[in-house]
Amino acid sequence: RFRALAIGLVTLVAAAAFSRLGVSTALPAAAEELGGLALYGWVFTAFTLANIVGLAVAGPVFDRFGIVRPLAVGTVSFAGGLLIS
């Protein structure tokens, strides 16, 4: 009954994990190239802070609009961020 939902959620979590893995792999070389090695740790701090704020905001948003619309907006925003980065 919930197979499509489970597959979709696992896909989204896997995409986020691969994104973070890709950033953590490429970031040392990019930071050295750009001369920003001192700011290296802030990338992960900002990612964690964004996750915390997103979780705090997501609850009331899901309560107000349901699950589908916020999940679609979040997925499109995530994909857009990946394309920009």
Protein backbone atom coordinates (compact mmCIF):
# COMPACT_ATOMS: atom_id res chain seq x y z
CA ARG A 1 0.00 0.00 0.00
CA PHE A 2 2.82 2.43 0.81
CA ARG A 3 5.36 1.06 -1.65
CA ALA A 4 5.49 4.20 -3.86
CA LEU A 5 5.80 6.46 -0.82
CA ALA A 6 8.58 4.32 0.65
CA ILE A 7 10.48 4.25 -2.64
CA GLY A 8 10.11 8.00 -3.02
CA LEU A 9 11.32 8.73 0.50
CA VAL A 10 14.28 6.37 0.20
CA THR A 11 15.18 8.02 -3.11
CA LEU A 12 15.08 11.50 -1.55
CA VAL A 13 17.18 10.44 1.44
CA ALA A 14 19.69 8.73 -0.86
CA ALA A 15 19.91 11.85 -3.05
CA ALA A 16 20.61 14.01 0.00
CA ALA A 17 23.24 11.54 1.22
CA PHE A 18 24.96 11.42 -2.17
CA SER A 19 24.89 15.22 -2.32
CA ARG A 20 26.59 15.53 1.04
CA LEU A 21 29.09 12.82 0.11
CA GLY A 22 29.92 14.61 -3.12
CA VAL A 23 30.41 17.92 -1.35
CA SER A 24 32.62 16.42 1.35
CA THR A 25 34.72 14.70 -1.33
CA ALA A 26 35.20 17.74 -3.59
CA LEU A 27 35.31 20.47 -0.97
CA PRO A 28 38.96 20.16 0.13
CA ALA A 29 40.21 20.64 -3.42
CA ALA A 30 37.76 23.47 -4.10
CA ALA A 31 38.62 25.24 -0.84
CA GLU A 32 42.34 25.02 -1.55
CA GLU A 33 41.85 26.24 -5.12
CA LEU A 34 39.80 29.21 -3.94
CA GLY A 35 42.01 29.98 -0.97
CA GLY A 36 39.23 29.43 1.55
CA LEU A 37 40.57 26.51 3.56
CA ALA A 38 39.93 28.46 6.78
CA LEU A 39 36.20 28.43 5.96
CA TYR A 40 36.09 24.68 5.27
CA GLY A 41 34.19 23.78 8.44
CA TRP A 42 31.52 26.41 7.87
CA VAL A 43 30.13 24.47 4.91
CA PHE A 44 29.13 21.58 7.13
CA THR A 45 27.98 23.90 9.91
CA ALA A 46 25.69 25.73 7.47
CA PHE A 47 24.33 22.43 6.15
CA THR A 48 23.54 21.19 9.66
CA LEU A 49 21.99 24.51 10.66
CA ALA A 50 19.82 24.49 7.54
CA ASN A 51 18.67 20.96 8.42
CA ILE A 52 17.74 21.99 11.96
CA VAL A 53 15.82 25.08 10.81
CA GLY A 54 14.16 23.09 8.04
CA LEU A 55 12.95 20.45 10.47
CA ALA A 56 11.58 23.07 12.85
CA VAL A 57 9.71 24.82 10.04
CA ALA A 58 8.53 21.65 8.31
CA GLY A 59 6.18 20.48 11.05
CA PRO A 60 3.82 23.48 11.01
CA VAL A 61 4.04 23.71 7.21
CA PHE A 62 3.02 20.05 6.83
CA ASP A 63 0.19 20.58 9.30
CA ARG A 64 -1.10 23.55 7.33
CA PHE A 65 -0.67 22.39 3.72
CA GLY A 66 -0.53 18.60 3.95
CA ILE A 67 2.39 16.47 2.83
CA VAL A 68 2.41 16.59 -0.97
CA ARG A 69 2.82 20.32 -1.67
CA PRO A 70 5.67 21.04 0.80
CA LEU A 71 7.46 17.83 -0.23
CA ALA A 72 7.22 18.83 -3.91
CA VAL A 73 8.51 22.35 -3.18
CA GLY A 74 11.35 20.97 -1.09
CA THR A 75 12.31 18.44 -3.74
CA VAL A 76 12.33 21.07 -6.48
CA SER A 77 14.36 23.43 -4.26
CA PHE A 78 16.84 20.67 -3.50
CA ALA A 79 17.21 19.78 -7.18
CA GLY A 80 17.63 23.46 -8.05
CA GLY A 81 20.34 23.82 -5.44
CA LEU A 82 22.14 20.80 -6.84
CA LEU A 83 22.00 22.26 -10.34
CA ILE A 84 23.34 25.60 -9.14
CA SER A 85 26.15 24.02 -7.16
